[in-house]
C-alpha atoms as a PDB file:
ATOM      1  CA  MET A   1     133.011 161.205 130.394  1.00  0.00           C
ATOM      2  CA  THR A   2     129.910 161.734 133.096  1.00  0.00           C
ATOM      3  CA  ILE A   3     129.143 159.104 136.034  1.00  0.00           C
ATOM      4  CA  HIS A   4     125.804 158.714 134.148  1.00  0.00           C
ATOM      5  CA  ASP A   5     128.055 157.463 131.143  1.00  0.00           C
ATOM      6  CA  ALA A   6     130.276 155.293 133.287  1.00  0.00           C
ATOM      7  CA  LEU A   7     127.442 153.662 134.808  1.00  0.00           C
ATOM      8  CA  ALA A   8     125.487 153.393 131.276  1.00  0.00           C
ATOM      9  CA  GLY A   9     128.289 151.518 129.805  1.00  0.00           C
ATOM     10  CA  SER A  10     129.038 149.519 132.804  1.00  0.00           C
ATOM     11  CA  ALA A  11     125.307 148.385 132.755  1.00  0.00           C
ATOM     12  CA  GLU A  12     125.431 147.575 128.843  1.00  0.00           C
ATOM     13  CA  GLU A  13     128.605 145.253 129.443  1.00  0.00           C
ATOM     14  CA  LEU A  14     127.032 143.195 132.285  1.00  0.00           C
ATOM     15  CA  ALA A  15     123.717 143.118 130.298  1.00  0.00           C
ATOM     16  CA  LEU A  16     126.060 141.237 127.144  1.00  0.00           C
ATOM     17  CA  ARG A  17     128.049 139.329 129.839  1.00  0.00           C
ATOM     18  CA  LEU A  18     124.546 138.350 131.316  1.00  0.00           C
ATOM     19  CA  LYS A  19     123.531 136.890 127.667  1.00  0.00           C
ATOM     20  CA  ALA A  20     126.588 135.128 127.212  1.00  0.00           C
ATOM     21  CA  HIS A  21     126.116 133.353 130.340  1.00  0.00           C
ATOM     22  CA  GLN A  22     122.617 132.627 129.662  1.00  0.00           C
ATOM     23  CA  GLU A  23     123.704 131.264 126.062  1.00  0.00           C
ATOM     24  CA  LEU A  24     126.022 129.032 127.794  1.00  0.00           C
ATOM     25  CA  LEU A  25     123.919 127.427 130.205  1.00  0.00           C
ATOM     26  CA  HIS A  26     121.208 126.862 127.477  1.00  0.00           C
ATOM     27  CA  HIS A  27     123.757 124.883 125.654  1.00  0.00           C
ATOM     28  CA  VAL A  28     124.694 123.073 128.445  1.00  0.00           C
ATOM     29  CA  SER A  29     121.146 122.377 129.719  1.00  0.00           C
ATOM     30  CA  GLN A  30     120.322 120.708 126.420  1.00  0.00           C
ATOM     31  CA  GLY A  31     123.405 118.366 126.582  1.00  0.00           C
ATOM     32  CA  ALA A  32     125.231 119.707 124.411  1.00  0.00           C
ATOM     33  CA  HIS A  33     128.834 119.788 125.805  1.00  0.00           C
ATOM     34  CA  ALA A  34     129.765 123.906 124.602  1.00  0.00           C
ATOM     35  CA  HIS A  35     133.173 124.466 123.404  1.00  0.00           C
ATOM     36  CA  VAL A  36     134.510 127.797 125.790  1.00  0.00           C
ATOM     37  CA  ASP A  37     136.414 129.959 123.579  1.00  0.00           C
ATOM     38  CA  LEU A  38     138.670 132.010 125.852  1.00  0.00           C
ATOM     39  CA  ALA A  39     139.984 134.227 123.863  1.00  0.00           C
ATOM     40  CA  THR A  40     136.613 135.922 122.956  1.00  0.00           C
ATOM     41  CA  CYS A  41     135.802 135.895 126.836  1.00  0.00           C
ATOM     42  CA  PRO A  42     135.295 139.535 128.231  1.00  0.00           C
ATOM     43  CA  THR A  43     136.974 138.189 131.446  1.00  0.00           C
ATOM     44  CA  VAL A  44     139.913 137.224 130.101  1.00  0.00           C
ATOM     45  CA  ARG A  45     140.652 139.717 127.110  1.00  0.00           C
ATOM     46  CA  CYS A  46     140.033 142.525 129.549  1.00  0.00           C
ATOM     47  CA  PRO A  47     142.436 144.868 129.100  1.00  0.00           C
ATOM     48  CA  HIS A  48     142.593 146.229 132.702  1.00  0.00           C
ATOM     49  CA  GLN A  49     143.386 142.978 133.715  1.00  0.00           C
ATOM     50  CA  ARG A  50     145.945 142.213 131.384  1.00  0.00           C
ATOM     51  CA  LEU A  51     147.695 145.409 132.030  1.00  0.00           C
ATOM     52  CA  LEU A  52     147.550 144.755 135.866  1.00  0.00           C
ATOM     53  CA  ARG A  53     149.171 140.983 135.306  1.00  0.00           C
ATOM     54  CA  GLN A  54     151.862 142.449 133.175  1.00  0.00           C
ATOM     55  CA  THR A  55     152.576 145.507 135.848  1.00  0.00           C
ATOM     56  CA  LEU A  56     152.753 143.176 138.582  1.00  0.00           C
ATOM     57  CA  ALA A  57     155.161 140.764 136.631  1.00  0.00           C
ATOM     58  CA  GLU A  58     157.362 143.885 136.220  1.00  0.00           C
ATOM     59  CA  VAL A  59     157.431 144.439 139.657  1.00  0.00           C
ATOM     60  CA  ILE A  60     158.204 141.362 140.635  1.00  0.00           C
ATOM     61  CA  ALA A  61     161.090 141.435 138.507  1.00  0.00           C
ATOM     62  CA  VAL A  62     162.174 144.482 139.652  1.00  0.00           C
ATOM     63  CA  LEU A  63     161.827 143.297 143.198  1.00  0.00           C
ATOM     64  CA  ASP A  64     163.896 140.180 142.134  1.00  0.00           C
ATOM     65  CA  ASP A  65     166.462 141.963 140.541  1.00  0.00           C
ATOM     66  CA  THR A  66     167.161 144.264 143.157  1.00  0.00           C
ATOM     67  CA  ARG A  67     166.700 141.654 146.582  1.00  0.00           C
ATOM     68  CA  ARG A  68     170.400 141.160 146.566  1.00  0.00           C
ATOM     69  CA  SER A  69     171.514 144.815 146.794  1.00  0.00           C
ATOM     70  CA  PHE A  70     168.846 145.747 149.344  1.00  0.00           C
ATOM     71  CA  LYS A  71     168.295 142.937 151.569  1.00  0.00           C
ATOM     72  CA  SER A  72     165.013 144.069 152.838  1.00  0.00           C
ATOM     73  CA  LYS A  73     162.939 141.399 154.367  1.00  0.00           C
ATOM     74  CA  GLN A  74     159.571 143.925 153.991  1.00  0.00           C
ATOM     75  CA  LEU A  75     160.656 143.950 150.059  1.00  0.00           C
ATOM     76  CA  GLU A  76     161.203 140.125 150.070  1.00  0.00           C
ATOM     77  CA  THR A  77     157.617 139.752 151.793  1.00  0.00           C
ATOM     78  CA  LEU A  78     156.110 141.688 149.475  1.00  0.00           C
ATOM     79  CA  ARG A  79     157.452 139.963 146.442  1.00  0.00           C
ATOM     80  CA  LYS A  80     156.436 136.884 147.627  1.00  0.00           C
ATOM     81  CA  ARG A  81     152.871 137.821 148.279  1.00  0.00           C
ATOM     82  CA  LEU A  82     152.734 139.245 144.868  1.00  0.00           C
ATOM     83  CA  ILE A  83     154.109 136.012 143.109  1.00  0.00           C
ATOM     84  CA  ASP A  84     151.319 134.190 145.079  1.00  0.00           C
ATOM     85  CA  LEU A  85     148.431 136.963 144.342  1.00  0.00           C
ATOM     86  CA  LEU A  86     149.673 136.270 140.230  1.00  0.00           C
ATOM     87  CA  ALA A  87     149.705 132.326 140.432  1.00  0.00           C
ATOM     88  CA  THR A  88     146.275 132.751 141.849  1.00  0.00           C
ATOM     89  CA  THR A  89     144.628 134.773 139.552  1.00  0.00           C
ATOM     90  CA  GLU A  90     145.590 132.862 136.455  1.00  0.00           C
END
């Protein structure tokens, strides 16, 4: 994949998201109570975001499982920061 291909794909994705947002705004401005199906939202179903969240959860679990073995304040701080990060991105 070339940089041109990547940018073109990104531009297409942005155009689709913009169109979806414009349609939602139109429905809301017409007084319709638009129902947003999160299963079809491109941001929610992003495979990269899902993979990142799953990986963070696995890292937290490993840090939690090994915290008694290593008793490291740095690892404890890191684990807590990751838990907070995961909680705020839900």
